[in-house]
C-alpha cells in the first residue's frame, strides 16, 4: 500500500453561477490542482506527495482553498503562481507559507513549520535476503 509523506487537497467544488458563496472551480481550482500535480511530478515526488481533488472544504469566501496534511495547514486564495512556493517551502522544506495561511488555525498552536520531506528511498535499493548460508 502506498504511503505518502504529504497530501495536498485542492478544492475544485462547483456551485451554480451567481451563488453568493462562489466556488473554487470558477476561481481556478482545477488549474491549481493541475499545477501541483505538474510541479510534484517534475520534482520527482510522485509516490511521496499526492495532490488530490477535494469537494467543498467550506471556505468558499477565502478563494481557492488548499489543505496540506498531515500538518493540516489551510491556505486560502491560492493561485497557480503560488504553487512552486508552497512546494519549495512547505512540501519540501516544512516551512509554512504564512502569507497564504487562513487565520484562526488553533490546531497549529504557534507552529510555522514541520519536519522537511524525508528523502525518498533509492528506487534501486535491493532488499537483503537470507540465503540460508551460515
C-alpha atoms as a PDB file:
ATOM      1  CA  UNK A   1       0.000   0.000   0.000  1.00  0.00           C
ATOM      2  CA  UNK A   2       1.428   3.418  -0.921  1.00  0.00           C
ATOM      3  CA  UNK A   3       2.381   5.671   1.937  1.00  0.00           C
ATOM      4  CA  UNK A   4       2.572   9.360   1.118  1.00  0.00           C
ATOM      5  CA  UNK A   5       4.549  11.775   3.260  1.00  0.00           C
ATOM      6  CA  UNK A   6       2.158  14.622   2.490  1.00  0.00           C
ATOM      7  CA  UNK A   7      -1.211  15.042   0.839  1.00  0.00           C
ATOM      8  CA  UNK A   8      -2.290  18.269  -0.828  1.00  0.00           C
ATOM      9  CA  UNK A   9      -6.050  18.680  -1.097  1.00  0.00           C
ATOM     10  CA  UNK A  10      -7.241  21.320  -3.563  1.00  0.00           C
ATOM     11  CA  UNK A  11     -10.887  22.379  -3.598  1.00  0.00           C
ATOM     12  CA  UNK A  12     -12.481  22.138  -7.018  1.00  0.00           C
ATOM     13  CA  UNK A  13     -16.079  22.330  -5.806  1.00  0.00           C
ATOM     14  CA  UNK A  14     -18.540  23.788  -8.308  1.00  0.00           C
ATOM     15  CA  UNK A  15     -21.669  25.754  -7.458  1.00  0.00           C
ATOM     16  CA  UNK A  16     -24.285  27.268  -9.705  1.00  0.00           C
ATOM     17  CA  UNK A  17     -23.267  30.580 -11.270  1.00  0.00           C
ATOM     18  CA  UNK A  18     -24.221  33.511  -9.075  1.00  0.00           C
ATOM     19  CA  UNK A  19     -24.182  31.523  -5.828  1.00  0.00           C
ATOM     20  CA  UNK A  20     -23.449  34.011  -3.025  1.00  0.00           C
ATOM     21  CA  UNK A  21     -20.541  31.943  -1.635  1.00  0.00           C
ATOM     22  CA  UNK A  22     -18.885  31.422  -5.023  1.00  0.00           C
ATOM     23  CA  UNK A  23     -16.866  28.292  -5.694  1.00  0.00           C
ATOM     24  CA  UNK A  24     -13.260  27.257  -6.070  1.00  0.00           C
ATOM     25  CA  UNK A  25     -13.796  25.741  -9.519  1.00  0.00           C
ATOM     26  CA  UNK A  26     -14.829  29.085 -11.035  1.00  0.00           C
ATOM     27  CA  UNK A  27     -11.814  30.724  -9.348  1.00  0.00           C
ATOM     28  CA  UNK A  28      -9.345  28.283 -10.937  1.00  0.00           C
ATOM     29  CA  UNK A  29      -9.245  25.353  -8.511  1.00  0.00           C
ATOM     30  CA  UNK A  30      -8.701  22.767 -11.245  1.00  0.00           C
ATOM     31  CA  UNK A  31      -5.784  24.754 -12.672  1.00  0.00           C
ATOM     32  CA  UNK A  32      -4.205  24.974  -9.208  1.00  0.00           C
ATOM     33  CA  UNK A  33      -4.510  21.199  -8.726  1.00  0.00           C
ATOM     34  CA  UNK A  34      -3.019  20.602 -12.179  1.00  0.00           C
ATOM     35  CA  UNK A  35      -0.129  22.928 -11.288  1.00  0.00           C
ATOM     36  CA  UNK A  36       0.516  20.959  -8.077  1.00  0.00           C
ATOM     37  CA  UNK A  37       0.497  17.659  -9.971  1.00  0.00           C
ATOM     38  CA  UNK A  38       2.886  19.023 -12.607  1.00  0.00           C
ATOM     39  CA  UNK A  39       5.230  20.577 -10.025  1.00  0.00           C
ATOM     40  CA  UNK A  40       5.343  17.407  -7.917  1.00  0.00           C
ATOM     41  CA  UNK A  41       5.982  15.219 -10.959  1.00  0.00           C
ATOM     42  CA  UNK A  42       8.739  17.492 -12.287  1.00  0.00           C
ATOM     43  CA  UNK A  43      10.481  17.298  -8.908  1.00  0.00           C
ATOM     44  CA  UNK A  44      10.314  13.504  -8.796  1.00  0.00           C
ATOM     45  CA  UNK A  45       7.929  13.454  -5.840  1.00  0.00           C
ATOM     46  CA  UNK A  46       5.413  11.005  -7.284  1.00  0.00           C
ATOM     47  CA  UNK A  47       4.814   8.391  -4.614  1.00  0.00           C
ATOM     48  CA  UNK A  48       5.963  10.771  -1.855  1.00  0.00           C
ATOM     49  CA  UNK A  49       3.374  13.545  -2.165  1.00  0.00           C
ATOM     50  CA  UNK A  50      -0.081  13.372  -3.686  1.00  0.00           C
ATOM     51  CA  UNK A  51      -2.241  16.237  -4.959  1.00  0.00           C
ATOM     52  CA  UNK A  52      -5.896  15.306  -4.580  1.00  0.00           C
ATOM     53  CA  UNK A  53      -9.134  16.870  -5.731  1.00  0.00           C
ATOM     54  CA  UNK A  54     -11.378  17.901  -2.875  1.00  0.00           C
ATOM     55  CA  UNK A  55     -15.033  18.750  -2.803  1.00  0.00           C
ATOM     56  CA  UNK A  56     -16.212  21.715  -0.791  1.00  0.00           C
ATOM     57  CA  UNK A  57     -13.906  22.470   2.129  1.00  0.00           C
ATOM     58  CA  UNK A  58     -16.417  25.071   3.406  1.00  0.00           C
ATOM     59  CA  UNK A  59     -14.048  28.026   2.999  1.00  0.00           C
ATOM     60  CA  UNK A  60     -15.521  29.414  -0.213  1.00  0.00           C
ATOM     61  CA  UNK A  61     -15.079  33.060   0.712  1.00  0.00           C
ATOM     62  CA  UNK A  62     -11.320  32.518   1.191  1.00  0.00           C
ATOM     63  CA  UNK A  63     -10.649  31.900  -2.511  1.00  0.00           C
ATOM     64  CA  UNK A  64      -9.140  28.648  -3.776  1.00  0.00           C
ATOM     65  CA  UNK A  65      -8.595  26.508  -0.701  1.00  0.00           C
ATOM     66  CA  UNK A  66      -5.672  24.120  -0.287  1.00  0.00           C
ATOM     67  CA  UNK A  67      -5.029  21.939   2.775  1.00  0.00           C
ATOM     68  CA  UNK A  68      -1.723  20.146   3.361  1.00  0.00           C
ATOM     69  CA  UNK A  69      -1.710  17.021   5.526  1.00  0.00           C
ATOM     70  CA  UNK A  70      -0.539  15.641   7.868  1.00  0.00           C
ATOM     71  CA  UNK A  71       0.095  19.143   9.263  1.00  0.00           C
ATOM     72  CA  UNK A  72      -3.473  20.316   8.486  1.00  0.00           C
ATOM     73  CA  UNK A  73      -2.312  23.694   7.214  1.00  0.00           C
ATOM     74  CA  UNK A  74      -5.095  25.579   5.437  1.00  0.00           C
ATOM     75  CA  UNK A  75      -4.189  28.015   2.670  1.00  0.00           C
ATOM     76  CA  UNK A  76      -6.619  30.423   1.029  1.00  0.00           C
ATOM     77  CA  UNK A  77      -6.603  32.448  -2.158  1.00  0.00           C
ATOM     78  CA  UNK A  78      -4.039  30.099  -3.717  1.00  0.00           C
ATOM     79  CA  UNK A  79      -3.141  30.749  -7.350  1.00  0.00           C
ATOM     80  CA  UNK A  80      -1.143  28.798  -9.904  1.00  0.00           C
ATOM     81  CA  UNK A  81       1.717  31.251  -9.290  1.00  0.00           C
ATOM     82  CA  UNK A  82       1.775  30.259  -5.577  1.00  0.00           C
ATOM     83  CA  UNK A  83       2.243  26.543  -6.237  1.00  0.00           C
ATOM     84  CA  UNK A  84       6.065  26.480  -6.640  1.00  0.00           C
ATOM     85  CA  UNK A  85       6.470  28.434  -3.392  1.00  0.00           C
ATOM     86  CA  UNK A  86       4.197  26.053  -1.470  1.00  0.00           C
ATOM     87  CA  UNK A  87       6.069  23.060  -2.888  1.00  0.00           C
ATOM     88  CA  UNK A  88       9.507  24.580  -2.134  1.00  0.00           C
ATOM     89  CA  UNK A  89       8.811  25.931   1.296  1.00  0.00           C
ATOM     90  CA  UNK A  90       6.133  23.694   2.810  1.00  0.00           C
ATOM     91  CA  UNK A  91       6.072  20.404   0.935  1.00  0.00           C
ATOM     92  CA  UNK A  92       9.854  20.050   0.687  1.00  0.00           C
ATOM     93  CA  UNK A  93      11.181  22.317   3.436  1.00  0.00           C
ATOM     94  CA  UNK A  94       8.463  22.058   6.084  1.00  0.00           C
ATOM     95  CA  UNK A  95       8.136  25.858   6.372  1.00  0.00           C
ATOM     96  CA  UNK A  96       4.529  27.051   6.220  1.00  0.00           C
ATOM     97  CA  UNK A  97       3.757  29.823   3.724  1.00  0.00           C
ATOM     98  CA  UNK A  98       2.304  32.191   6.295  1.00  0.00           C
ATOM     99  CA  UNK A  99       1.220  34.870   3.809  1.00  0.00           C
ATOM    100  CA  UNK A 100      -1.288  32.371   2.357  1.00  0.00           C
ATOM    101  CA  UNK A 101      -2.415  30.722   5.581  1.00  0.00           C
ATOM    102  CA  UNK A 102      -6.013  31.195   6.625  1.00  0.00           C
ATOM    103  CA  UNK A 103      -6.472  32.858  10.006  1.00  0.00           C
ATOM    104  CA  UNK A 104      -7.702  31.010  13.090  1.00  0.00           C
ATOM    105  CA  UNK A 105      -5.883  27.674  12.892  1.00  0.00           C
ATOM    106  CA  UNK A 106      -5.702  26.883  16.622  1.00  0.00           C
ATOM    107  CA  UNK A 107      -4.766  23.257  15.940  1.00  0.00           C
ATOM    108  CA  UNK A 108      -1.353  24.540  14.818  1.00  0.00           C
ATOM    109  CA  UNK A 109      -0.649  26.461  18.007  1.00  0.00           C
ATOM    110  CA  UNK A 110       2.097  28.879  17.086  1.00  0.00           C
ATOM    111  CA  UNK A 111       3.789  26.414  14.710  1.00  0.00           C
ATOM    112  CA  UNK A 112       5.083  27.781  11.436  1.00  0.00           C
ATOM    113  CA  UNK A 113       6.990  24.713  10.336  1.00  0.00           C
ATOM    114  CA  UNK A 114       7.035  20.928  10.315  1.00  0.00           C
ATOM    115  CA  UNK A 115       9.764  18.423   9.531  1.00  0.00           C
ATOM    116  CA  UNK A 116      11.048  18.678   5.957  1.00  0.00           C
ATOM    117  CA  UNK A 117      10.165  15.981   3.494  1.00  0.00           C
ATOM    118  CA  UNK A 118      12.279  12.888   4.050  1.00  0.00           C
ATOM    119  CA  UNK A 119      14.349  11.934   1.034  1.00  0.00           C
ATOM    120  CA  UNK A 120      12.772   9.042  -0.891  1.00  0.00           C
ATOM    121  CA  UNK A 121      14.381   5.643  -0.675  1.00  0.00           C
ATOM    122  CA  UNK A 122      16.525   4.907  -3.736  1.00  0.00           C
ATOM    123  CA  UNK A 123      14.469   3.092  -6.373  1.00  0.00           C
ATOM    124  CA  UNK A 124      17.241   0.586  -6.989  1.00  0.00           C
ATOM    125  CA  UNK A 125      17.784  -0.275  -3.317  1.00  0.00           C
ATOM    126  CA  UNK A 126      17.989  -4.031  -3.134  1.00  0.00           C
ATOM    127  CA  UNK A 127      16.411  -5.778  -0.215  1.00  0.00           C
ATOM    128  CA  UNK A 128      18.624  -8.141   1.674  1.00  0.00           C
ATOM    129  CA  UNK A 129      17.586 -11.723   1.881  1.00  0.00           C
ATOM    130  CA  UNK A 130      18.961 -14.581   3.898  1.00  0.00           C
ATOM    131  CA  UNK A 131      20.481 -17.140   1.543  1.00  0.00           C
ATOM    132  CA  UNK A 132      20.461 -19.781   4.203  1.00  0.00           C
ATOM    133  CA  UNK A 133      24.266 -19.916   4.420  1.00  0.00           C
ATOM    134  CA  UNK A 134      25.616 -19.928   7.948  1.00  0.00           C
END
